[in-house]
Amino acid sequence: IKQVGNPKLDENGIMKKGVMVRHLVLPNYIENSKKVLK
């Protein structure tokens, strides 16, 4: 994030610069996901 900051999208909504954090929710580990999001 320090390097590229938050997403800048072009007119088609395609990301040109920035960070997008992905998180896959695992079954049985909802608390883990909540902690990640928090």
Full PDB file with SEQRES, HELIX, SHEET, SSBOND, CRYST1, ORIGX, SCALE, CONECT and MASTER records, all heavy atoms in Angstrom:
SEQRES   1 A   38  ILE LYS GLN VAL GLY ASN PRO LYS LEU ASP GLU ASN GLY          
SEQRES   2 A   38  ILE MET LYS LYS GLY VAL MET VAL ARG HIS LEU VAL LEU          
SEQRES   3 A   38  PRO ASN TYR ILE GLU ASN SER LYS LYS VAL LEU LYS              
HELIX    1 AA1 ILE A   30  LEU A   37  1                                   8    
SHEET    1 AA1 2 LYS A   8  LEU A   9  0                                        
SHEET    2 AA1 2 MET A  15  LYS A  17 -1                                        
CRYST1    1.000    1.000    1.000  90.00  90.00  90.00 P 1           1          
ORIGX1      1.000000  0.000000  0.000000        0.00000                         
ORIGX2      0.000000  1.000000  0.000000        0.00000                         
ORIGX3      0.000000  0.000000  1.000000        0.00000                         
SCALE1      1.000000  0.000000  0.000000        0.00000                         
SCALE2      0.000000  1.000000  0.000000        0.00000                         
SCALE3      0.000000  0.000000  1.000000        0.00000                         
ATOM      1  N   ILE A   1       0.841  -1.204   0.000  1.00  0.00           N  
ATOM      2  CA  ILE A   1       0.000   0.000   0.000  1.00  0.00           C  
ATOM      3  C   ILE A   1       0.875   1.253   0.000  1.00  0.00           C  
ATOM      4  O   ILE A   1       0.586   2.236  -0.682  1.00  0.00           O  
ATOM      5  CB  ILE A   1      -0.981  -0.022   1.192  1.00  0.00           C  
ATOM      6  CG1 ILE A   1      -2.046  -1.087   0.906  1.00  0.00           C  
ATOM      7  CG2 ILE A   1      -1.638   1.347   1.405  1.00  0.00           C  
ATOM      8  CD1 ILE A   1      -3.001  -1.343   2.021  1.00  0.00           C  
ATOM      9  N   LYS A   2       1.979   1.186   0.739  1.00  0.00           N  
ATOM     10  CA  LYS A   2       2.912   2.302   0.774  1.00  0.00           C  
ATOM     11  C   LYS A   2       3.429   2.592  -0.645  1.00  0.00           C  
ATOM     12  O   LYS A   2       3.583   3.739  -1.044  1.00  0.00           O  
ATOM     13  CB  LYS A   2       4.077   1.964   1.712  1.00  0.00           C  
ATOM     14  CG  LYS A   2       4.787   3.176   2.276  1.00  0.00           C  
ATOM     15  CD  LYS A   2       5.632   2.802   3.486  1.00  0.00           C  
ATOM     16  CE  LYS A   2       6.998   2.303   3.008  1.00  0.00           C  
ATOM     17  NZ  LYS A   2       7.794   1.680   4.075  1.00  0.00           N  
ATOM     18  N   GLN A   3       3.643   1.549  -1.407  1.00  0.00           N  
ATOM     19  CA  GLN A   3       4.188   1.711  -2.760  1.00  0.00           C  
ATOM     20  C   GLN A   3       3.174   2.230  -3.767  1.00  0.00           C  
ATOM     21  O   GLN A   3       3.482   3.123  -4.545  1.00  0.00           O  
ATOM     22  CB  GLN A   3       4.741   0.381  -3.281  1.00  0.00           C  
ATOM     23  CG  GLN A   3       6.032  -0.035  -2.630  1.00  0.00           C  
ATOM     24  CD  GLN A   3       6.581  -1.325  -3.226  1.00  0.00           C  
ATOM     25  OE1 GLN A   3       6.271  -1.692  -4.354  1.00  0.00           O  
ATOM     26  NE2 GLN A   3       7.395  -2.014  -2.466  1.00  0.00           N  
ATOM     27  N   VAL A   4       1.999   1.638  -3.798  1.00  0.00           N  
ATOM     28  CA  VAL A   4       1.074   1.954  -4.902  1.00  0.00           C  
ATOM     29  C   VAL A   4      -0.248   2.571  -4.462  1.00  0.00           C  
ATOM     30  O   VAL A   4      -1.051   2.987  -5.291  1.00  0.00           O  
ATOM     31  CB  VAL A   4       0.787   0.713  -5.795  1.00  0.00           C  
ATOM     32  CG1 VAL A   4       2.050   0.267  -6.511  1.00  0.00           C  
ATOM     33  CG2 VAL A   4       0.201  -0.421  -4.982  1.00  0.00           C  
ATOM     34  N   GLY A   5      -0.474   2.624  -3.155  1.00  0.00           N  
ATOM     35  CA  GLY A   5      -1.685   3.279  -2.666  1.00  0.00           C  
ATOM     36  C   GLY A   5      -2.948   2.526  -3.007  1.00  0.00           C  
ATOM     37  O   GLY A   5      -2.922   1.333  -3.300  1.00  0.00           O  
ATOM     38  N   ASN A   6      -4.041   3.246  -2.985  1.00  0.00           N  
ATOM     39  CA  ASN A   6      -5.337   2.635  -3.214  1.00  0.00           C  
ATOM     40  C   ASN A   6      -5.680   2.589  -4.691  1.00  0.00           C  
ATOM     41  O   ASN A   6      -5.148   3.355  -5.472  1.00  0.00           O  
ATOM     42  CB  ASN A   6      -6.398   3.407  -2.452  1.00  0.00           C  
ATOM     43  CG  ASN A   6      -6.824   2.599  -1.253  1.00  0.00           C  
ATOM     44  OD1 ASN A   6      -6.289   1.521  -1.019  1.00  0.00           O  
ATOM     45  ND2 ASN A   6      -7.768   3.097  -0.518  1.00  0.00           N  
ATOM     46  N   PRO A   7      -6.573   1.679  -5.064  1.00  0.00           N  
ATOM     47  CA  PRO A   7      -6.831   1.479  -6.488  1.00  0.00           C  
ATOM     48  C   PRO A   7      -7.255   2.728  -7.246  1.00  0.00           C  
ATOM     49  O   PRO A   7      -8.046   3.523  -6.760  1.00  0.00           O  
ATOM     50  CB  PRO A   7      -7.963   0.455  -6.485  1.00  0.00           C  
ATOM     51  CG  PRO A   7      -7.719  -0.323  -5.268  1.00  0.00           C  
ATOM     52  CD  PRO A   7      -7.240   0.669  -4.255  1.00  0.00           C  
ATOM     53  N   LYS A   8      -6.655   2.860  -8.414  1.00  0.00           N  
ATOM     54  CA  LYS A   8      -7.130   3.834  -9.384  1.00  0.00           C  
ATOM     55  C   LYS A   8      -7.658   3.008 -10.547  1.00  0.00           C  
ATOM     56  O   LYS A   8      -6.954   2.139 -11.061  1.00  0.00           O  
ATOM     57  CB  LYS A   8      -5.979   4.727  -9.847  1.00  0.00           C  
ATOM     58  CG  LYS A   8      -5.455   5.594  -8.707  1.00  0.00           C  
ATOM     59  CD  LYS A   8      -4.278   6.458  -9.104  1.00  0.00           C  
ATOM     60  CE  LYS A   8      -3.659   7.174  -7.904  1.00  0.00           C  
ATOM     61  NZ  LYS A   8      -3.480   6.329  -6.695  1.00  0.00           N  
ATOM     62  N   LEU A   9      -8.917   3.266 -10.906  1.00  0.00           N  
ATOM     63  CA  LEU A   9      -9.553   2.482 -11.963  1.00  0.00           C  
ATOM     64  C   LEU A   9      -9.678   3.343 -13.215  1.00  0.00           C  
ATOM     65  O   LEU A   9      -9.811   4.555 -13.124  1.00  0.00           O  
ATOM     66  CB  LEU A   9     -10.946   2.029 -11.503  1.00  0.00           C  
ATOM     67  CG  LEU A   9     -11.038   1.370 -10.118  1.00  0.00           C  
ATOM     68  CD1 LEU A   9     -12.499   1.055  -9.770  1.00  0.00           C  
ATOM     69  CD2 LEU A   9     -10.225   0.102 -10.042  1.00  0.00           C  
ATOM     70  N   ASP A  10      -9.640   2.689 -14.377  1.00  0.00           N  
ATOM     71  CA  ASP A  10      -9.885   3.453 -15.601  1.00  0.00           C  
ATOM     72  C   ASP A  10     -11.392   3.527 -15.847  1.00  0.00           C  
ATOM     73  O   ASP A  10     -12.192   3.050 -15.045  1.00  0.00           O  
ATOM     74  CB  ASP A  10      -9.134   2.859 -16.796  1.00  0.00           C  
ATOM     75  CG  ASP A  10      -9.695   1.513 -17.226  1.00  0.00           C  
ATOM     76  OD1 ASP A  10     -10.740   1.077 -16.694  1.00  0.00           O  
ATOM     77  OD2 ASP A  10      -9.077   0.885 -18.104  1.00  0.00           O  
ATOM     78  N   GLU A  11     -11.768   4.122 -16.984  1.00  0.00           N  
ATOM     79  CA  GLU A  11     -13.208   4.350 -17.237  1.00  0.00           C  
ATOM     80  C   GLU A  11     -13.999   3.041 -17.341  1.00  0.00           C  
ATOM     81  O   GLU A  11     -15.212   3.027 -17.175  1.00  0.00           O  
ATOM     82  CB  GLU A  11     -13.421   5.230 -18.477  1.00  0.00           C  
ATOM     83  CG  GLU A  11     -12.841   4.703 -19.784  1.00  0.00           C  
ATOM     84  CD  GLU A  11     -11.303   4.825 -19.889  1.00  0.00           C  
ATOM     85  OE1 GLU A  11     -10.683   5.398 -18.970  1.00  0.00           O  
ATOM     86  OE2 GLU A  11     -10.738   4.340 -20.876  1.00  0.00           O  
ATOM     87  N   ASN A  12     -13.307   1.921 -17.563  1.00  0.00           N  
ATOM     88  CA  ASN A  12     -14.021   0.638 -17.638  1.00  0.00           C  
ATOM     89  C   ASN A  12     -13.984  -0.121 -16.315  1.00  0.00           C  
ATOM     90  O   ASN A  12     -14.361  -1.288 -16.237  1.00  0.00           O  
ATOM     91  CB  ASN A  12     -13.404  -0.253 -18.724  1.00  0.00           C  
ATOM     92  CG  ASN A  12     -13.365   0.460 -20.063  1.00  0.00           C  
ATOM     93  OD1 ASN A  12     -14.338   1.114 -20.444  1.00  0.00           O  
ATOM     94  ND2 ASN A  12     -12.241   0.375 -20.760  1.00  0.00           N  
ATOM     95  N   GLY A  13     -13.482   0.540 -15.279  1.00  0.00           N  
ATOM     96  CA  GLY A  13     -13.425  -0.121 -13.983  1.00  0.00           C  
ATOM     97  C   GLY A  13     -12.280  -1.114 -13.862  1.00  0.00           C  
ATOM     98  O   GLY A  13     -12.247  -1.939 -12.964  1.00  0.00           O  
ATOM     99  N   ILE A  14     -11.312  -1.031 -14.773  1.00  0.00           N  
ATOM    100  CA  ILE A  14     -10.134  -1.901 -14.697  1.00  0.00           C  
ATOM    101  C   ILE A  14      -9.080  -1.219 -13.822  1.00  0.00           C  
ATOM    102  O   ILE A  14      -8.805  -0.037 -13.993  1.00  0.00           O  
ATOM    103  CB  ILE A  14      -9.525  -2.137 -16.107  1.00  0.00           C  
ATOM    104  CG1 ILE A  14     -10.576  -2.657 -17.101  1.00  0.00           C  
ATOM    105  CG2 ILE A  14      -8.294  -3.038 -16.035  1.00  0.00           C  
ATOM    106  CD1 ILE A  14     -10.995  -4.083 -16.915  1.00  0.00           C  
ATOM    107  N   MET A  15      -8.512  -1.993 -12.900  1.00  0.00           N  
ATOM    108  CA  MET A  15      -7.532  -1.405 -12.003  1.00  0.00           C  
ATOM    109  C   MET A  15      -6.215  -1.117 -12.725  1.00  0.00           C  
ATOM    110  O   MET A  15      -5.640  -1.979 -13.358  1.00  0.00           O  
ATOM    111  CB  MET A  15      -7.286  -2.351 -10.828  1.00  0.00           C  
ATOM    112  CG  MET A  15      -6.752  -1.623  -9.611  1.00  0.00           C  
ATOM    113  SD  MET A  15      -6.350  -2.733  -8.230  1.00  0.00           S  
ATOM    114  CE  MET A  15      -7.933  -3.354  -7.770  1.00  0.00           C  
ATOM    115  N   LYS A  16      -5.770   0.131 -12.597  1.00  0.00           N  
ATOM    116  CA  LYS A  16      -4.531   0.564 -13.247  1.00  0.00           C  
ATOM    117  C   LYS A  16      -3.385   0.616 -12.237  1.00  0.00           C  
ATOM    118  O   LYS A  16      -2.223   0.509 -12.582  1.00  0.00           O  
ATOM    119  CB  LYS A  16      -4.713   1.973 -13.846  1.00  0.00           C  
ATOM    120  CG  LYS A  16      -5.621   1.996 -15.056  1.00  0.00           C  
ATOM    121  CD  LYS A  16      -4.931   1.357 -16.236  1.00  0.00           C  
ATOM    122  CE  LYS A  16      -5.785   1.282 -17.473  1.00  0.00           C  
ATOM    123  NZ  LYS A  16      -5.511   0.048 -18.232  1.00  0.00           N  
ATOM    124  N   LYS A  17      -3.752   0.864 -10.998  1.00  0.00           N  
ATOM    125  CA  LYS A  17      -2.742   1.007  -9.954  1.00  0.00           C  
ATOM    126  C   LYS A  17      -3.414   0.756  -8.614  1.00  0.00           C  
ATOM    127  O   LYS A  17      -4.584   1.053  -8.444  1.00  0.00           O  
ATOM    128  CB  LYS A  17      -2.178   2.432  -9.999  1.00  0.00           C  
ATOM    129  CG  LYS A  17      -0.825   2.584  -9.328  1.00  0.00           C  
ATOM    130  CD  LYS A  17      -0.273   3.972  -9.591  1.00  0.00           C  
ATOM    131  CE  LYS A  17       0.934   4.259  -8.720  1.00  0.00           C  
ATOM    132  NZ  LYS A  17       2.170   3.583  -9.095  1.00  0.00           N  
ATOM    133  N   GLY A  18      -2.662   0.205  -7.678  1.00  0.00           N  
ATOM    134  CA  GLY A  18      -3.204   0.062  -6.333  1.00  0.00           C  
ATOM    135  C   GLY A  18      -3.149  -1.358  -5.801  1.00  0.00           C  
ATOM    136  O   GLY A  18      -2.548  -2.244  -6.412  1.00  0.00           O  
ATOM    137  N   VAL A  19      -3.785  -1.533  -4.654  1.00  0.00           N  
ATOM    138  CA  VAL A  19      -3.795  -2.831  -3.972  1.00  0.00           C  
ATOM    139  C   VAL A  19      -5.232  -3.294  -3.800  1.00  0.00           C  
ATOM    140  O   VAL A  19      -6.095  -2.508  -3.419  1.00  0.00           O  
ATOM    141  CB  VAL A  19      -3.157  -2.714  -2.551  1.00  0.00           C  
ATOM    142  CG1 VAL A  19      -3.244  -4.043  -1.796  1.00  0.00           C  
ATOM    143  CG2 VAL A  19      -1.719  -2.247  -2.639  1.00  0.00           C  
ATOM    144  N   MET A  20      -5.478  -4.565  -4.108  1.00  0.00           N  
ATOM    145  CA  MET A  20      -6.755  -5.162  -3.724  1.00  0.00           C  
ATOM    146  C   MET A  20      -6.444  -6.401  -2.900  1.00  0.00           C  
ATOM    147  O   MET A  20      -5.765  -7.312  -3.357  1.00  0.00           O  
ATOM    148  CB  MET A  20      -7.613  -5.554  -4.927  1.00  0.00           C  
ATOM    149  CG  MET A  20      -8.829  -6.315  -4.439  1.00  0.00           C  
ATOM    150  SD  MET A  20     -10.314  -6.182  -5.431  1.00  0.00           S  
ATOM    151  CE  MET A  20      -9.857  -6.767  -6.971  1.00  0.00           C  
ATOM    152  N   VAL A  21      -6.928  -6.414  -1.665  1.00  0.00           N  
ATOM    153  CA  VAL A  21      -6.686  -7.552  -0.783  1.00  0.00           C  
ATOM    154  C   VAL A  21      -7.785  -8.582  -0.999  1.00  0.00           C  
ATOM    155  O   VAL A  21      -8.970  -8.246  -1.001  1.00  0.00           O  
ATOM    156  CB  VAL A  21      -6.691  -7.110   0.704  1.00  0.00           C  
ATOM    157  CG1 VAL A  21      -6.417  -8.305   1.618  1.00  0.00           C  
ATOM    158  CG2 VAL A  21      -5.667  -6.013   0.942  1.00  0.00           C  
ATOM    159  N   ARG A  22      -7.373  -9.834  -1.213  1.00  0.00           N  
ATOM    160  CA  ARG A  22      -8.358 -10.893  -1.405  1.00  0.00           C  
ATOM    161  C   ARG A  22      -8.409 -11.774  -0.163  1.00  0.00           C  
ATOM    162  O   ARG A  22      -7.388 -12.004   0.481  1.00  0.00           O  
ATOM    163  CB  ARG A  22      -7.982 -11.741  -2.615  1.00  0.00           C  
ATOM    164  CG  ARG A  22      -8.054 -10.968  -3.922  1.00  0.00           C  
ATOM    165  CD  ARG A  22      -7.461 -11.744  -5.064  1.00  0.00           C  
ATOM    166  NE  ARG A  22      -6.081 -12.139  -4.759  1.00  0.00           N  
ATOM    167  CZ  ARG A  22      -5.235 -12.650  -5.649  1.00  0.00           C  
ATOM    168  NH1 ARG A  22      -5.618 -12.812  -6.888  1.00  0.00           N  
ATOM    169  NH2 ARG A  22      -4.021 -12.993  -5.311  1.00  0.00           N  
ATOM    170  N   HIS A  23      -9.586 -12.248   0.135  1.00  0.00           N  
ATOM    171  CA  HIS A  23      -9.708 -13.178   1.259  1.00  0.00           C  
ATOM    172  C   HIS A  23     -10.744 -14.249   0.935  1.00  0.00           C  
ATOM    173  O   HIS A  23     -11.869 -13.949   0.576  1.00  0.00           O  
ATOM    174  CB  HIS A  23     -10.108 -12.443   2.540  1.00  0.00           C  
ATOM    175  CG  HIS A  23     -10.382 -13.391   3.665  1.00  0.00           C  
ATOM    176  ND1 HIS A  23      -9.368 -14.109   4.284  1.00  0.00           N  
ATOM    177  CD2 HIS A  23     -11.539 -13.792   4.244  1.00  0.00           C  
ATOM    178  CE1 HIS A  23      -9.913 -14.909   5.205  1.00  0.00           C  
ATOM    179  NE2 HIS A  23     -11.216 -14.740   5.192  1.00  0.00           N  
ATOM    180  N   LEU A  24     -10.309 -15.489   1.055  1.00  0.00           N  
ATOM    181  CA  LEU A  24     -11.204 -16.619   0.805  1.00  0.00           C  
ATOM    182  C   LEU A  24     -11.746 -17.108   2.143  1.00  0.00           C  
ATOM    183  O   LEU A  24     -10.988 -17.465   3.042  1.00  0.00           O  
ATOM    184  CB  LEU A  24     -10.418 -17.743   0.124  1.00  0.00           C  
ATOM    185  CG  LEU A  24     -11.180 -19.040  -0.175  1.00  0.00           C  
ATOM    186  CD1 LEU A  24     -12.323 -18.794  -1.160  1.00  0.00           C  
ATOM    187  CD2 LEU A  24     -10.227 -20.091  -0.738  1.00  0.00           C  
ATOM    188  N   VAL A  25     -13.065 -17.094   2.273  1.00  0.00           N  
ATOM    189  CA  VAL A  25     -13.695 -17.543   3.518  1.00  0.00           C  
ATOM    190  C   VAL A  25     -13.700 -19.074   3.554  1.00  0.00           C  
ATOM    191  O   VAL A  25     -14.190 -19.716   2.624  1.00  0.00           O  
ATOM    192  CB  VAL A  25     -15.141 -17.011   3.625  1.00  0.00           C  
ATOM    193  CG1 VAL A  25     -15.785 -17.471   4.936  1.00  0.00           C  
ATOM    194  CG2 VAL A  25     -15.161 -15.480   3.524  1.00  0.00           C  
ATOM    195  N   LEU A  26     -13.141 -19.634   4.615  1.00  0.00           N  
ATOM    196  CA  LEU A  26     -13.102 -21.094   4.746  1.00  0.00           C  
ATOM    197  C   LEU A  26     -14.252 -21.588   5.608  1.00  0.00           C  
ATOM    198  O   LEU A  26     -14.593 -20.964   6.616  1.00  0.00           O  
ATOM    199  CB  LEU A  26     -11.777 -21.528   5.399  1.00  0.00           C  
ATOM    200  CG  LEU A  26     -10.504 -21.241   4.605  1.00  0.00           C  
ATOM    201  CD1 LEU A  26      -9.278 -21.568   5.453  1.00  0.00           C  
ATOM    202  CD2 LEU A  26     -10.477 -22.044   3.309  1.00  0.00           C  
ATOM    203  N   PRO A  27     -14.849 -22.717   5.249  1.00  0.00           N  
ATOM    204  CA  PRO A  27     -15.914 -23.285   6.079  1.00  0.00           C  
ATOM    205  C   PRO A  27     -15.364 -23.586   7.467  1.00  0.00           C  
ATOM    206  O   PRO A  27     -14.196 -23.949   7.607  1.00  0.00           O  
ATOM    207  CB  PRO A  27     -16.288 -24.581   5.348  1.00  0.00           C  
ATOM    208  CG  PRO A  27     -15.118 -24.896   4.483  1.00  0.00           C  
ATOM    209  CD  PRO A  27     -14.502 -23.580   4.119  1.00  0.00           C  
ATOM    210  N   ASN A  28     -16.175 -23.413   8.477  1.00  0.00           N  
ATOM    211  CA  ASN A  28     -15.797 -23.684   9.875  1.00  0.00           C  
ATOM    212  C   ASN A  28     -14.841 -22.663  10.487  1.00  0.00           C  
ATOM    213  O   ASN A  28     -14.544 -22.743  11.665  1.00  0.00           O  
ATOM    214  CB  ASN A  28     -15.158 -25.080  10.050  1.00  0.00           C  
ATOM    215  CG  ASN A  28     -16.184 -26.186   9.881  1.00  0.00           C  
ATOM    216  OD1 ASN A  28     -17.243 -26.136  10.498  1.00  0.00           O  
ATOM    217  ND2 ASN A  28     -15.884 -27.153   9.029  1.00  0.00           N  
ATOM    218  N   TYR A  29     -14.366 -21.736   9.677  1.00  0.00           N  
ATOM    219  CA  TYR A  29     -13.408 -20.776  10.233  1.00  0.00           C  
ATOM    220  C   TYR A  29     -13.880 -19.338  10.041  1.00  0.00           C  
ATOM    221  O   TYR A  29     -13.128 -18.463   9.630  1.00  0.00           O  
ATOM    222  CB  TYR A  29     -12.022 -20.982   9.607  1.00  0.00           C  
ATOM    223  CG  TYR A  29     -11.432 -22.320   9.958  1.00  0.00           C  
ATOM    224  CD1 TYR A  29     -11.267 -23.310   9.000  1.00  0.00           C  
ATOM    225  CD2 TYR A  29     -11.069 -22.611  11.278  1.00  0.00           C  
ATOM    226  CE1 TYR A  29     -10.738 -24.548   9.332  1.00  0.00           C  
ATOM    227  CE2 TYR A  29     -10.549 -23.848  11.616  1.00  0.00           C  
ATOM    228  CZ  TYR A  29     -10.382 -24.813  10.640  1.00  0.00           C  
ATOM    229  OH  TYR A  29      -9.871 -26.035  10.972  1.00  0.00           O  
ATOM    230  N   ILE A  30     -15.143 -19.118  10.360  1.00  0.00           N  
ATOM    231  CA  ILE A  30     -15.735 -17.797  10.195  1.00  0.00           C  
ATOM    232  C   ILE A  30     -15.040 -16.767  11.089  1.00  0.00           C  
ATOM    233  O   ILE A  30     -14.829 -15.629  10.700  1.00  0.00           O  
ATOM    234  CB  ILE A  30     -17.263 -17.865  10.470  1.00  0.00           C  
ATOM    235  CG1 ILE A  30     -17.925 -18.814   9.459  1.00  0.00           C  
ATOM    236  CG2 ILE A  30     -17.907 -16.488  10.401  1.00  0.00           C  
ATOM    237  CD1 ILE A  30     -17.607 -18.545   8.005  1.00  0.00           C  
ATOM    238  N   GLU A  31     -14.640 -17.206  12.287  1.00  0.00           N  
ATOM    239  CA  GLU A  31     -13.948 -16.281  13.192  1.00  0.00           C  
ATOM    240  C   GLU A  31     -12.620 -15.813  12.578  1.00  0.00           C  
ATOM    241  O   GLU A  31     -12.238 -14.661  12.723  1.00  0.00           O  
ATOM    242  CB  GLU A  31     -13.702 -16.916  14.567  1.00  0.00           C  
ATOM    243  CG  GLU A  31     -14.977 -17.061  15.401  1.00  0.00           C  
ATOM    244  CD  GLU A  31     -15.819 -15.781  15.449  1.00  0.00           C  
ATOM    245  OE1 GLU A  31     -15.278 -14.698  15.801  1.00  0.00           O  
ATOM    246  OE2 GLU A  31     -17.027 -15.847  15.122  1.00  0.00           O  
ATOM    247  N   ASN A  32     -11.928 -16.724  11.924  1.00  0.00           N  
ATOM    248  CA  ASN A  32     -10.684 -16.353  11.243  1.00  0.00           C  
ATOM    249  C   ASN A  32     -10.963 -15.241  10.220  1.00  0.00           C  
ATOM    250  O   ASN A  32     -10.257 -14.234  10.174  1.00  0.00           O  
ATOM    251  CB  ASN A  32     -10.079 -17.578  10.543  1.00  0.00           C  
ATOM    252  CG  ASN A  32      -8.865 -17.229   9.686  1.00  0.00           C  
ATOM    253  OD1 ASN A  32      -7.850 -16.750  10.175  1.00  0.00           O  
ATOM    254  ND2 ASN A  32      -8.987 -17.439   8.378  1.00  0.00           N  
ATOM    255  N   SER A  33     -12.009 -15.416   9.428  1.00  0.00           N  
ATOM    256  CA  SER A  33     -12.357 -14.418   8.417  1.00  0.00           C  
ATOM    257  C   SER A  33     -12.711 -13.079   9.060  1.00  0.00           C  
ATOM    258  O   SER A  33     -12.306 -12.021   8.581  1.00  0.00           O  
ATOM    259  CB  SER A  33     -13.516 -14.900   7.553  1.00  0.00           C  
ATOM    260  OG  SER A  33     -13.065 -15.960   6.731  1.00  0.00           O  
ATOM    261  N   LYS A  34     -13.454 -13.145  10.150  1.00  0.00           N  
ATOM    262  CA  LYS A  34     -13.837 -11.901  10.826  1.00  0.00           C  
ATOM    263  C   LYS A  34     -12.605 -11.164  11.327  1.00  0.00           C  
ATOM    264  O   LYS A  34     -12.513  -9.942  11.213  1.00  0.00           O  
ATOM    265  CB  LYS A  34     -14.786 -12.194  11.990  1.00  0.00           C  
ATOM    266  CG  LYS A  34     -16.193 -12.557  11.542  1.00  0.00           C  
ATOM    267  CD  LYS A  34     -17.073 -12.744  12.756  1.00  0.00           C  
ATOM    268  CE  LYS A  34     -18.523 -12.986  12.376  1.00  0.00           C  
ATOM    269  NZ  LYS A  34     -19.374 -13.154  13.561  1.00  0.00           N  
ATOM    270  N   LYS A  35     -11.646 -11.921  11.858  1.00  0.00           N  
ATOM    271  CA  LYS A  35     -10.417 -11.288  12.360  1.00  0.00           C  
ATOM    272  C   LYS A  35      -9.635 -10.653  11.214  1.00  0.00           C  
ATOM    273  O   LYS A  35      -9.075  -9.567  11.368  1.00  0.00           O  
ATOM    274  CB  LYS A  35      -9.543 -12.306  13.085  1.00  0.00           C  
ATOM    275  CG  LYS A  35     -10.040 -12.611  14.484  1.00  0.00           C  
ATOM    276  CD  LYS A  35      -9.095 -13.569  15.202  1.00  0.00           C  
ATOM    277  CE  LYS A  35      -9.696 -13.960  16.549  1.00  0.00           C  
ATOM    278  NZ  LYS A  35      -9.041 -15.150  17.121  1.00  0.00           N  
ATOM    279  N   VAL A  36      -9.590 -11.339  10.082  1.00  0.00           N  
ATOM    280  CA  VAL A  36      -8.897 -10.784   8.909  1.00  0.00           C  
ATOM    281  C   VAL A  36      -9.562  -9.467   8.496  1.00  0.00           C  
ATOM    282  O   VAL A  36      -8.893  -8.446   8.299  1.00  0.00           O  
ATOM    283  CB  VAL A  36      -8.920 -11.788   7.718  1.00  0.00           C  
ATOM    284  CG1 VAL A  36      -8.515 -11.101   6.415  1.00  0.00           C  
ATOM    285  CG2 VAL A  36      -8.002 -12.970   7.999  1.00  0.00           C  
ATOM    286  N   LEU A  37     -10.876  -9.485   8.378  1.00  0.00           N  
ATOM    287  CA  LEU A  37     -11.602  -8.294   7.934  1.00  0.00           C  
ATOM    288  C   LEU A  37     -11.468  -7.157   8.942  1.00  0.00           C  
ATOM    289  O   LEU A  37     -11.324  -5.992   8.568  1.00  0.00           O  
ATOM    290  CB  LEU A  37     -13.078  -8.636   7.693  1.00  0.00           C  
ATOM    291  CG  LEU A  37     -13.312  -9.630   6.543  1.00  0.00           C  
ATOM    292  CD1 LEU A  37     -14.754 -10.111   6.527  1.00  0.00           C  
ATOM    293  CD2 LEU A  37     -12.928  -9.015   5.197  1.00  0.00           C  
ATOM    294  N   LYS A  38     -11.497  -7.509  10.202  1.00  0.00           N  
ATOM    295  CA  LYS A  38     -11.350  -6.497  11.250  1.00  0.00           C  
ATOM    296  C   LYS A  38      -9.966  -5.851  11.164  1.00  0.00           C  
ATOM    297  O   LYS A  38      -9.834  -4.623  11.230  1.00  0.00           O  
ATOM    298  CB  LYS A  38     -11.574  -7.137  12.626  1.00  0.00           C  
ATOM    299  CG  LYS A  38     -11.711  -6.136  13.767  1.00  0.00           C  
ATOM    300  CD  LYS A  38     -12.194  -6.881  15.016  1.00  0.00           C  
ATOM    301  CE  LYS A  38     -12.047  -6.085  16.295  1.00  0.00           C  
ATOM    302  NZ  LYS A  38     -12.661  -4.765  16.273  1.00  0.00           N  
TER     303      LYS A  38                                                      
MASTER        0    0    0    1    2    0    0    6  302    1    0    3          
END                                                                             
